[in-house]
Amino acid sequence: MHGLIRVRQFTISEGHYILRPEQLEDEFRNCLELAKYCLDTVGLLEDCTFRFSQWDPANPKNKYEGTPEQWEIAQATMKTILDDLGVQYTIGIDEAAFYGPKLDIQYKNVFGKEDTLVTIQIDMLLAQRFGMEYVDVDGTKKNPYIIHRTSLGCYERTLAYLLEKYAGALPLWLSPEQVRILPITDRAKEYAESIAKRFDDMNIRVTVDNRNEKIGYKIRQAQLEKIPYFFILGDKEVEDNTVSLRSRKDGDLGTSPVEDVIAKILKENAEKTR
């Protein structure tokens, strides 16, 4: 059982670039920078490694299409690109796709098993198979190269690694519920709803816990559910237009004007603070 790491069906951020040979290095660099940016933004890049996945020349008919000459050209091209970009990589023999070599961005789960998060592939065969051609500057028809790439890879697997990395305590900007408001009294409920509406209008994910439960129980549940921020509102907070702020990370932050708290949360959310 691997939960989200290996599912029956998945969603993947995939793109395909059709290009001339002289465009290959620049576009490969762009694909790599996109993947690194996405993984760095969510906090996974620092734990990733890079694998140059090649065919197995000892078993050329294992799963591979094309001639040895085509594979030598494609792998030499990718090696030049990776070396020019300064990518530190290991080599994975017999890890290539059937149509060409690839760069795999690898990540280990908490059990030490390595999986592929993101892949960037150079395809030297499918354009020819599908009859894709372009007219080059010399007037001749040629088959283009294709780059197949992902940016965040399989969303479900990436989410699984995020949950493992942060032990469920996702950063504010990634949390499905960013703020929870806990009114103590009936009088505070209307105030809570007004604050929630302001957050909602600013695209901050917020809920109001209006259940008829003791405040200690509500606080404990918010802590167990790892809500990044929660507000405690009583009659005094209503009168002073303030909130009693609790943080998952820093605990009790005391009472502050509601405007200051909103500004603090908006800033942290915009900066994608981890």
C-alpha atoms as a PDB file:
ATOM      1  CA  MET A   1       0.000   0.000   0.000  1.00  0.00           C
ATOM      2  CA  HIS A   2       1.510   3.315  -1.079  1.00  0.00           C
ATOM      3  CA  GLY A   3      -1.471   5.669  -0.949  1.00  0.00           C
ATOM      4  CA  LEU A   4      -0.994   8.712  -3.161  1.00  0.00           C
ATOM      5  CA  ILE A   5       2.481   7.619  -4.260  1.00  0.00           C
ATOM      6  CA  ARG A   6       1.069   4.957  -6.581  1.00  0.00           C
ATOM      7  CA  VAL A   7      -2.544   5.410  -7.646  1.00  0.00           C
ATOM      8  CA  ARG A   8      -4.819   3.819 -10.245  1.00  0.00           C
ATOM      9  CA  GLN A   9      -5.090   7.032 -12.220  1.00  0.00           C
ATOM     10  CA  PHE A  10      -3.258  10.310 -11.912  1.00  0.00           C
ATOM     11  CA  THR A  11      -3.024  13.898 -13.126  1.00  0.00           C
ATOM     12  CA  ILE A  12       0.218  15.094 -14.664  1.00  0.00           C
ATOM     13  CA  SER A  13       1.472  18.483 -15.836  1.00  0.00           C
ATOM     14  CA  GLU A  14       2.849  17.530 -19.229  1.00  0.00           C
ATOM     15  CA  GLY A  15       4.013  19.521 -22.240  1.00  0.00           C
ATOM     16  CA  HIS A  16       5.486  18.657 -25.630  1.00  0.00           C
ATOM     17  CA  TYR A  17       7.889  20.873 -27.589  1.00  0.00           C
ATOM     18  CA  ILE A  18       8.396  20.348 -31.332  1.00  0.00           C
ATOM     19  CA  LEU A  19      11.636  21.961 -32.447  1.00  0.00           C
ATOM     20  CA  ARG A  20      14.654  22.110 -34.705  1.00  0.00           C
ATOM     21  CA  PRO A  21      17.965  20.595 -33.498  1.00  0.00           C
ATOM     22  CA  GLU A  22      19.523  24.024 -32.913  1.00  0.00           C
ATOM     23  CA  GLN A  23      16.658  24.912 -30.556  1.00  0.00           C
ATOM     24  CA  LEU A  24      17.170  21.834 -28.406  1.00  0.00           C
ATOM     25  CA  GLU A  25      19.581  23.184 -25.796  1.00  0.00           C
ATOM     26  CA  ASP A  26      17.716  26.436 -25.105  1.00  0.00           C
ATOM     27  CA  GLU A  27      14.345  24.723 -24.811  1.00  0.00           C
ATOM     28  CA  PHE A  28      15.765  21.928 -22.652  1.00  0.00           C
ATOM     29  CA  ARG A  29      17.235  24.576 -20.356  1.00  0.00           C
ATOM     30  CA  ASN A  30      13.844  26.309 -20.150  1.00  0.00           C
ATOM     31  CA  CYS A  31      12.136  23.025 -19.258  1.00  0.00           C
ATOM     32  CA  LEU A  32      14.713  22.301 -16.559  1.00  0.00           C
ATOM     33  CA  GLU A  33      14.449  25.794 -15.081  1.00  0.00           C
ATOM     34  CA  LEU A  34      10.647  25.482 -14.985  1.00  0.00           C
ATOM     35  CA  ALA A  35      10.853  22.150 -13.142  1.00  0.00           C
ATOM     36  CA  LYS A  36      13.449  23.476 -10.688  1.00  0.00           C
ATOM     37  CA  TYR A  37      11.370  26.598 -10.026  1.00  0.00           C
ATOM     38  CA  CYS A  38       8.220  24.567  -9.318  1.00  0.00           C
ATOM     39  CA  LEU A  39       9.982  22.074  -7.035  1.00  0.00           C
ATOM     40  CA  ASP A  40      11.871  24.833  -5.218  1.00  0.00           C
ATOM     41  CA  THR A  41       8.669  26.810  -4.650  1.00  0.00           C
ATOM     42  CA  VAL A  42       7.001  23.889  -2.864  1.00  0.00           C
ATOM     43  CA  GLY A  43      10.197  23.030  -0.953  1.00  0.00           C
ATOM     44  CA  LEU A  44      11.180  19.714  -2.567  1.00  0.00           C
ATOM     45  CA  LEU A  45      14.113  20.688  -4.793  1.00  0.00           C
ATOM     46  CA  GLU A  46      16.727  20.669  -2.018  1.00  0.00           C
ATOM     47  CA  ASP A  47      16.187  16.929  -1.527  1.00  0.00           C
ATOM     48  CA  CYS A  48      16.133  15.996  -5.227  1.00  0.00           C
ATOM     49  CA  THR A  49      18.824  14.295  -7.293  1.00  0.00           C
ATOM     50  CA  PHE A  50      19.238  14.160 -11.076  1.00  0.00           C
ATOM     51  CA  ARG A  51      19.567  10.998 -13.153  1.00  0.00           C
ATOM     52  CA  PHE A  52      20.639  10.882 -16.800  1.00  0.00           C
ATOM     53  CA  SER A  53      18.611   7.883 -17.986  1.00  0.00           C
ATOM     54  CA  GLN A  54      20.192   6.071 -20.929  1.00  0.00           C
ATOM     55  CA  TRP A  55      19.423   3.022 -23.019  1.00  0.00           C
ATOM     56  CA  ASP A  56      21.138  -0.325 -22.475  1.00  0.00           C
ATOM     57  CA  PRO A  57      23.376  -0.990 -25.495  1.00  0.00           C
ATOM     58  CA  ALA A  58      23.812  -4.582 -24.324  1.00  0.00           C
ATOM     59  CA  ASN A  59      20.070  -5.132 -24.762  1.00  0.00           C
ATOM     60  CA  PRO A  60      19.142  -2.838 -27.656  1.00  0.00           C
ATOM     61  CA  LYS A  61      15.973  -4.771 -28.458  1.00  0.00           C
ATOM     62  CA  ASN A  62      14.802  -4.863 -24.843  1.00  0.00           C
ATOM     63  CA  LYS A  63      12.326  -2.022 -25.323  1.00  0.00           C
ATOM     64  CA  TYR A  64      14.081   0.510 -27.503  1.00  0.00           C
ATOM     65  CA  GLU A  65      13.303   1.822 -30.966  1.00  0.00           C
ATOM     66  CA  GLY A  66      15.811   3.322 -33.363  1.00  0.00           C
ATOM     67  CA  THR A  67      19.366   2.526 -34.392  1.00  0.00           C
ATOM     68  CA  PRO A  68      22.499   2.577 -32.216  1.00  0.00           C
ATOM     69  CA  GLU A  69      23.660   5.602 -34.206  1.00  0.00           C
ATOM     70  CA  GLN A  70      20.470   7.521 -33.366  1.00  0.00           C
ATOM     71  CA  TRP A  71      20.865   6.678 -29.692  1.00  0.00           C
ATOM     72  CA  GLU A  72      24.510   7.740 -29.668  1.00  0.00           C
ATOM     73  CA  ILE A  73      23.589  11.087 -31.218  1.00  0.00           C
ATOM     74  CA  ALA A  74      20.669  11.677 -28.830  1.00  0.00           C
ATOM     75  CA  GLN A  75      22.634  10.738 -25.706  1.00  0.00           C
ATOM     76  CA  ALA A  76      25.675  12.756 -26.764  1.00  0.00           C
ATOM     77  CA  THR A  77      23.381  15.734 -27.350  1.00  0.00           C
ATOM     78  CA  MET A  78      21.787  15.398 -23.915  1.00  0.00           C
ATOM     79  CA  LYS A  79      25.172  14.962 -22.223  1.00  0.00           C
ATOM     80  CA  THR A  80      26.426  18.154 -23.852  1.00  0.00           C
ATOM     81  CA  ILE A  81      23.315  20.017 -22.709  1.00  0.00           C
ATOM     82  CA  LEU A  82      23.541  18.749 -19.112  1.00  0.00           C
ATOM     83  CA  ASP A  83      27.265  19.499 -18.899  1.00  0.00           C
ATOM     84  CA  ASP A  84      26.771  22.976 -20.359  1.00  0.00           C
ATOM     85  CA  LEU A  85      24.058  23.634 -17.771  1.00  0.00           C
ATOM     86  CA  GLY A  86      26.271  22.373 -14.936  1.00  0.00           C
ATOM     87  CA  VAL A  87      23.802  19.685 -13.847  1.00  0.00           C
ATOM     88  CA  GLN A  88      25.271  17.183 -11.365  1.00  0.00           C
ATOM     89  CA  TYR A  89      23.809  13.821 -12.320  1.00  0.00           C
ATOM     90  CA  THR A  90      24.172  10.074 -12.019  1.00  0.00           C
ATOM     91  CA  ILE A  91      23.744   7.733 -14.980  1.00  0.00           C
ATOM     92  CA  GLY A  92      20.915   5.206 -15.086  1.00  0.00           C
ATOM     93  CA  ILE A  93      21.506   2.452 -17.640  1.00  0.00           C
ATOM     94  CA  ASP A  94      18.335   0.911 -19.111  1.00  0.00           C
ATOM     95  CA  GLU A  95      16.201   3.688 -17.590  1.00  0.00           C
ATOM     96  CA  ALA A  96      15.552   5.598 -20.838  1.00  0.00           C
ATOM     97  CA  ALA A  97      12.208   5.819 -22.598  1.00  0.00           C
ATOM     98  CA  PHE A  98      11.853   3.615 -25.669  1.00  0.00           C
ATOM     99  CA  TYR A  99      12.178   6.651 -27.952  1.00  0.00           C
ATOM    100  CA  GLY A 100      15.077   8.519 -26.349  1.00  0.00           C
ATOM    101  CA  PRO A 101      17.153   9.472 -23.287  1.00  0.00           C
ATOM    102  CA  LYS A 102      15.778  11.560 -20.443  1.00  0.00           C
ATOM    103  CA  LEU A 103      16.666  13.535 -17.361  1.00  0.00           C
ATOM    104  CA  ASP A 104      14.802  12.243 -14.308  1.00  0.00           C
ATOM    105  CA  ILE A 105      14.500  14.337 -11.169  1.00  0.00           C
ATOM    106  CA  GLN A 106      14.441  11.790  -8.357  1.00  0.00           C
ATOM    107  CA  TYR A 107      13.130  11.938  -4.781  1.00  0.00           C
ATOM    108  CA  LYS A 108      13.260   9.422  -1.921  1.00  0.00           C
ATOM    109  CA  ASN A 109      10.235   8.740   0.238  1.00  0.00           C
ATOM    110  CA  VAL A 110      10.395   8.231   4.008  1.00  0.00           C
ATOM    111  CA  PHE A 111      11.108   4.522   3.480  1.00  0.00           C
ATOM    112  CA  GLY A 112      14.144   5.309   1.327  1.00  0.00           C
ATOM    113  CA  LYS A 113      12.565   4.220  -1.957  1.00  0.00           C
ATOM    114  CA  GLU A 114      13.468   6.438  -4.884  1.00  0.00           C
ATOM    115  CA  ASP A 115      10.778   7.590  -7.291  1.00  0.00           C
ATOM    116  CA  THR A 116      10.744   9.917 -10.267  1.00  0.00           C
ATOM    117  CA  LEU A 117       9.074  13.263  -9.622  1.00  0.00           C
ATOM    118  CA  VAL A 118       9.789  15.070 -12.888  1.00  0.00           C
ATOM    119  CA  THR A 119      11.139  13.945 -16.241  1.00  0.00           C
ATOM    120  CA  ILE A 120      12.440  15.769 -19.326  1.00  0.00           C
ATOM    121  CA  GLN A 121      12.829  13.539 -22.378  1.00  0.00           C
ATOM    122  CA  ILE A 122      14.479  14.001 -25.761  1.00  0.00           C
ATOM    123  CA  ASP A 123      12.448  12.162 -28.404  1.00  0.00           C
ATOM    124  CA  MET A 124      14.269  11.453 -31.651  1.00  0.00           C
ATOM    125  CA  LEU A 125      11.859   8.883 -33.118  1.00  0.00           C
ATOM    126  CA  LEU A 126       8.166   9.677 -32.790  1.00  0.00           C
ATOM    127  CA  ALA A 127       8.219  12.680 -35.126  1.00  0.00           C
ATOM    128  CA  GLN A 128       9.424  10.397 -37.899  1.00  0.00           C
ATOM    129  CA  ARG A 129       6.911   7.716 -36.982  1.00  0.00           C
ATOM    130  CA  PHE A 130       4.022  10.202 -37.165  1.00  0.00           C
ATOM    131  CA  GLY A 131       5.267  11.801 -40.369  1.00  0.00           C
ATOM    132  CA  MET A 132       6.037  15.178 -38.791  1.00  0.00           C
ATOM    133  CA  GLU A 133       8.210  17.388 -40.985  1.00  0.00           C
ATOM    134  CA  TYR A 134       9.370  20.976 -41.292  1.00  0.00           C
ATOM    135  CA  VAL A 135      11.081  22.839 -44.104  1.00  0.00           C
ATOM    136  CA  ASP A 136      14.587  23.864 -43.042  1.00  0.00           C
ATOM    137  CA  VAL A 137      16.400  27.023 -44.150  1.00  0.00           C
ATOM    138  CA  ASP A 138      18.043  25.076 -46.965  1.00  0.00           C
ATOM    139  CA  GLY A 139      14.622  24.131 -48.337  1.00  0.00           C
ATOM    140  CA  THR A 140      14.804  20.456 -47.382  1.00  0.00           C
ATOM    141  CA  LYS A 141      12.221  18.595 -45.333  1.00  0.00           C
ATOM    142  CA  LYS A 142      13.430  17.258 -41.994  1.00  0.00           C
ATOM    143  CA  ASN A 143      11.982  15.527 -38.955  1.00  0.00           C
ATOM    144  CA  PRO A 144      11.922  17.679 -35.815  1.00  0.00           C
ATOM    145  CA  TYR A 145      13.018  16.718 -32.337  1.00  0.00           C
ATOM    146  CA  ILE A 146      10.426  16.543 -29.573  1.00  0.00           C
ATOM    147  CA  ILE A 147      10.918  17.316 -25.880  1.00  0.00           C
ATOM    148  CA  HIS A 148       8.407  15.754 -23.506  1.00  0.00           C
ATOM    149  CA  ARG A 149       8.457  17.377 -20.076  1.00  0.00           C
ATOM    150  CA  THR A 150       6.637  17.701 -16.790  1.00  0.00           C
ATOM    151  CA  SER A 151       6.937  20.556 -14.294  1.00  0.00           C
ATOM    152  CA  LEU A 152       5.516  19.203 -11.027  1.00  0.00           C
ATOM    153  CA  GLY A 153       5.164  15.682 -12.316  1.00  0.00           C
ATOM    154  CA  CYS A 154       2.258  13.573 -11.107  1.00  0.00           C
ATOM    155  CA  TYR A 155       0.251  15.810  -8.773  1.00  0.00           C
ATOM    156  CA  GLU A 156      -0.808  12.949  -6.517  1.00  0.00           C
ATOM    157  CA  ARG A 157       2.750  11.708  -5.986  1.00  0.00           C
ATOM    158  CA  THR A 158       4.085  15.229  -5.459  1.00  0.00           C
ATOM    159  CA  LEU A 159       1.343  15.850  -2.890  1.00  0.00           C
ATOM    160  CA  ALA A 160       2.309  12.630  -1.098  1.00  0.00           C
ATOM    161  CA  TYR A 161       5.914  13.805  -0.807  1.00  0.00           C
ATOM    162  CA  LEU A 162       4.780  17.219   0.405  1.00  0.00           C
ATOM    163  CA  LEU A 163       2.685  15.593   3.136  1.00  0.00           C
ATOM    164  CA  GLU A 164       5.677  13.462   4.139  1.00  0.00           C
ATOM    165  CA  LYS A 165       8.132  16.365   4.109  1.00  0.00           C
ATOM    166  CA  TYR A 166       5.962  18.681   6.189  1.00  0.00           C
ATOM    167  CA  ALA A 167       4.391  15.893   8.293  1.00  0.00           C
ATOM    168  CA  GLY A 168       0.975  17.216   7.275  1.00  0.00           C
ATOM    169  CA  ALA A 169       1.752  20.779   8.428  1.00  0.00           C
ATOM    170  CA  LEU A 170       1.751  22.317   4.959  1.00  0.00           C
ATOM    171  CA  PRO A 171       2.958  25.914   4.574  1.00  0.00           C
ATOM    172  CA  LEU A 172       0.251  28.552   4.812  1.00  0.00           C
ATOM    173  CA  TRP A 173      -0.010  29.091   1.053  1.00  0.00           C
ATOM    174  CA  LEU A 174      -0.405  25.339   0.401  1.00  0.00           C
ATOM    175  CA  SER A 175      -2.778  24.512   3.268  1.00  0.00           C
ATOM    176  CA  PRO A 176      -6.300  23.590   2.148  1.00  0.00           C
ATOM    177  CA  GLU A 177      -7.624  25.504   5.170  1.00  0.00           C
ATOM    178  CA  GLN A 178      -5.465  28.509   5.993  1.00  0.00           C
ATOM    179  CA  VAL A 179      -7.448  30.228   8.738  1.00  0.00           C
ATOM    180  CA  ARG A 180     -10.087  29.010  11.187  1.00  0.00           C
ATOM    181  CA  ILE A 181     -12.143  31.407  13.274  1.00  0.00           C
ATOM    182  CA  LEU A 182     -13.443  30.234  16.660  1.00  0.00           C
ATOM    183  CA  PRO A 183     -16.175  32.433  18.183  1.00  0.00           C
ATOM    184  CA  ILE A 184     -16.754  31.904  21.898  1.00  0.00           C
ATOM    185  CA  THR A 185     -20.127  33.668  22.227  1.00  0.00           C
ATOM    186  CA  ASP A 186     -23.189  34.156  20.043  1.00  0.00           C
ATOM    187  CA  ARG A 187     -22.332  37.837  19.840  1.00  0.00           C
ATOM    188  CA  ALA A 188     -18.943  36.978  18.349  1.00  0.00           C
ATOM    189  CA  LYS A 189     -20.430  34.844  15.569  1.00  0.00           C
ATOM    190  CA  GLU A 190     -21.478  37.803  13.437  1.00  0.00           C
ATOM    191  CA  TYR A 191     -18.024  39.353  13.907  1.00  0.00           C
ATOM    192  CA  ALA A 192     -16.422  36.042  12.920  1.00  0.00           C
ATOM    193  CA  GLU A 193     -18.483  35.851   9.736  1.00  0.00           C
ATOM    194  CA  SER A 194     -17.543  39.414   8.775  1.00  0.00           C
ATOM    195  CA  ILE A 195     -13.827  38.615   9.134  1.00  0.00           C
ATOM    196  CA  ALA A 196     -14.287  35.384   7.193  1.00  0.00           C
ATOM    197  CA  LYS A 197     -15.950  37.270   4.336  1.00  0.00           C
ATOM    198  CA  ARG A 198     -13.004  39.648   4.117  1.00  0.00           C
ATOM    199  CA  PHE A 199     -10.579  36.745   3.905  1.00  0.00           C
ATOM    200  CA  ASP A 200     -12.773  34.983   1.368  1.00  0.00           C
ATOM    201  CA  ASP A 201     -12.827  38.101  -0.809  1.00  0.00           C
ATOM    202  CA  MET A 202      -9.002  38.034  -0.731  1.00  0.00           C
ATOM    203  CA  ASN A 203      -8.891  34.344  -1.757  1.00  0.00           C
ATOM    204  CA  ILE A 204      -7.726  33.173   1.665  1.00  0.00           C
ATOM    205  CA  ARG A 205      -9.243  29.787   2.539  1.00  0.00           C
ATOM    206  CA  VAL A 206     -11.118  30.289   5.805  1.00  0.00           C
ATOM    207  CA  THR A 207     -13.790  28.563   7.885  1.00  0.00           C
ATOM    208  CA  VAL A 208     -15.810  29.571  10.935  1.00  0.00           C
ATOM    209  CA  ASP A 209     -16.350  26.944  13.643  1.00  0.00           C
ATOM    210  CA  ASN A 210     -19.819  27.846  14.921  1.00  0.00           C
ATOM    211  CA  ARG A 211     -20.452  24.533  16.654  1.00  0.00           C
ATOM    212  CA  ASN A 212     -21.897  24.527  20.137  1.00  0.00           C
ATOM    213  CA  GLU A 213     -18.722  23.121  21.692  1.00  0.00           C
ATOM    214  CA  LYS A 214     -16.360  24.314  24.404  1.00  0.00           C
ATOM    215  CA  ILE A 215     -13.630  26.615  23.118  1.00  0.00           C
ATOM    216  CA  GLY A 216     -10.915  24.313  24.476  1.00  0.00           C
ATOM    217  CA  TYR A 217     -12.258  21.488  22.325  1.00  0.00           C
ATOM    218  CA  LYS A 218     -12.308  23.711  19.233  1.00  0.00           C
ATOM    219  CA  ILE A 219      -8.745  24.871  19.861  1.00  0.00           C
ATOM    220  CA  ARG A 220      -7.515  21.329  20.338  1.00  0.00           C
ATOM    221  CA  GLN A 221      -9.172  20.191  17.120  1.00  0.00           C
ATOM    222  CA  ALA A 222      -7.634  23.072  15.154  1.00  0.00           C
ATOM    223  CA  GLN A 223      -4.226  22.095  16.534  1.00  0.00           C
ATOM    224  CA  LEU A 224      -4.688  18.421  15.637  1.00  0.00           C
ATOM    225  CA  GLU A 225      -5.772  19.368  12.115  1.00  0.00           C
ATOM    226  CA  LYS A 226      -2.654  21.555  11.819  1.00  0.00           C
ATOM    227  CA  ILE A 227      -4.487  24.716  10.798  1.00  0.00           C
ATOM    228  CA  PRO A 228      -1.807  27.407  10.211  1.00  0.00           C
ATOM    229  CA  TYR A 229      -3.705  30.208  11.982  1.00  0.00           C
ATOM    230  CA  PHE A 230      -6.815  30.330  14.094  1.00  0.00           C
ATOM    231  CA  PHE A 231      -8.570  33.221  15.805  1.00  0.00           C
ATOM    232  CA  ILE A 232     -10.387  33.148  19.133  1.00  0.00           C
ATOM    233  CA  LEU A 233     -13.143  35.729  19.343  1.00  0.00           C
ATOM    234  CA  GLY A 234     -15.053  36.761  22.457  1.00  0.00           C
ATOM    235  CA  ASP A 235     -17.000  39.854  23.506  1.00  0.00           C
ATOM    236  CA  LYS A 236     -13.805  41.814  24.218  1.00  0.00           C
ATOM    237  CA  GLU A 237     -12.440  41.165  20.720  1.00  0.00           C
ATOM    238  CA  VAL A 238     -15.774  42.280  19.230  1.00  0.00           C
ATOM    239  CA  GLU A 239     -15.706  45.538  21.212  1.00  0.00           C
ATOM    240  CA  ASP A 240     -12.047  46.311  20.406  1.00  0.00           C
ATOM    241  CA  ASN A 241     -12.120  45.118  16.776  1.00  0.00           C
ATOM    242  CA  THR A 242      -9.258  42.722  17.530  1.00  0.00           C
ATOM    243  CA  VAL A 243      -8.536  39.001  17.369  1.00  0.00           C
ATOM    244  CA  SER A 244      -6.771  36.629  19.733  1.00  0.00           C
ATOM    245  CA  LEU A 245      -4.330  34.963  17.359  1.00  0.00           C
ATOM    246  CA  ARG A 246      -2.922  31.451  17.590  1.00  0.00           C
ATOM    247  CA  SER A 247      -0.302  30.058  15.217  1.00  0.00           C
ATOM    248  CA  ARG A 248       0.438  26.411  14.505  1.00  0.00           C
ATOM    249  CA  LYS A 249       4.130  27.267  14.519  1.00  0.00           C
ATOM    250  CA  ASP A 250       4.468  29.868  17.294  1.00  0.00           C
ATOM    251  CA  GLY A 251       1.501  29.196  19.567  1.00  0.00           C
ATOM    252  CA  ASP A 252      -0.304  32.056  21.324  1.00  0.00           C
ATOM    253  CA  LEU A 253       0.563  35.358  19.634  1.00  0.00           C
ATOM    254  CA  GLY A 254      -1.685  37.471  21.830  1.00  0.00           C
ATOM    255  CA  THR A 255      -4.306  39.990  20.787  1.00  0.00           C
ATOM    256  CA  SER A 256      -3.841  42.250  17.773  1.00  0.00           C
ATOM    257  CA  PRO A 257      -5.978  44.616  15.678  1.00  0.00           C
ATOM    258  CA  VAL A 258      -7.788  42.667  12.992  1.00  0.00           C
ATOM    259  CA  GLU A 259      -6.272  44.832  10.243  1.00  0.00           C
ATOM    260  CA  ASP A 260      -2.739  43.944  11.367  1.00  0.00           C
ATOM    261  CA  VAL A 261      -3.510  40.238  11.450  1.00  0.00           C
ATOM    262  CA  ILE A 262      -5.075  40.280   7.984  1.00  0.00           C
ATOM    263  CA  ALA A 263      -2.030  42.118   6.609  1.00  0.00           C
ATOM    264  CA  LYS A 264       0.335  39.603   8.258  1.00  0.00           C
ATOM    265  CA  ILE A 265      -1.446  36.594   6.775  1.00  0.00           C
ATOM    266  CA  LEU A 266      -1.758  38.145   3.320  1.00  0.00           C
ATOM    267  CA  LYS A 267       1.968  38.936   3.304  1.00  0.00           C
ATOM    268  CA  GLU A 268       2.992  35.435   4.370  1.00  0.00           C
ATOM    269  CA  ASN A 269       0.658  33.899   1.807  1.00  0.00           C
ATOM    270  CA  ALA A 270       1.985  36.083  -1.019  1.00  0.00           C
ATOM    271  CA  GLU A 271       5.622  35.338  -0.144  1.00  0.00           C
ATOM    272  CA  LYS A 272       4.950  31.577  -0.103  1.00  0.00           C
ATOM    273  CA  THR A 273       6.853  31.356   3.171  1.00  0.00           C
ATOM    274  CA  ARG A 274       7.879  27.868   4.281  1.00  0.00           C
END
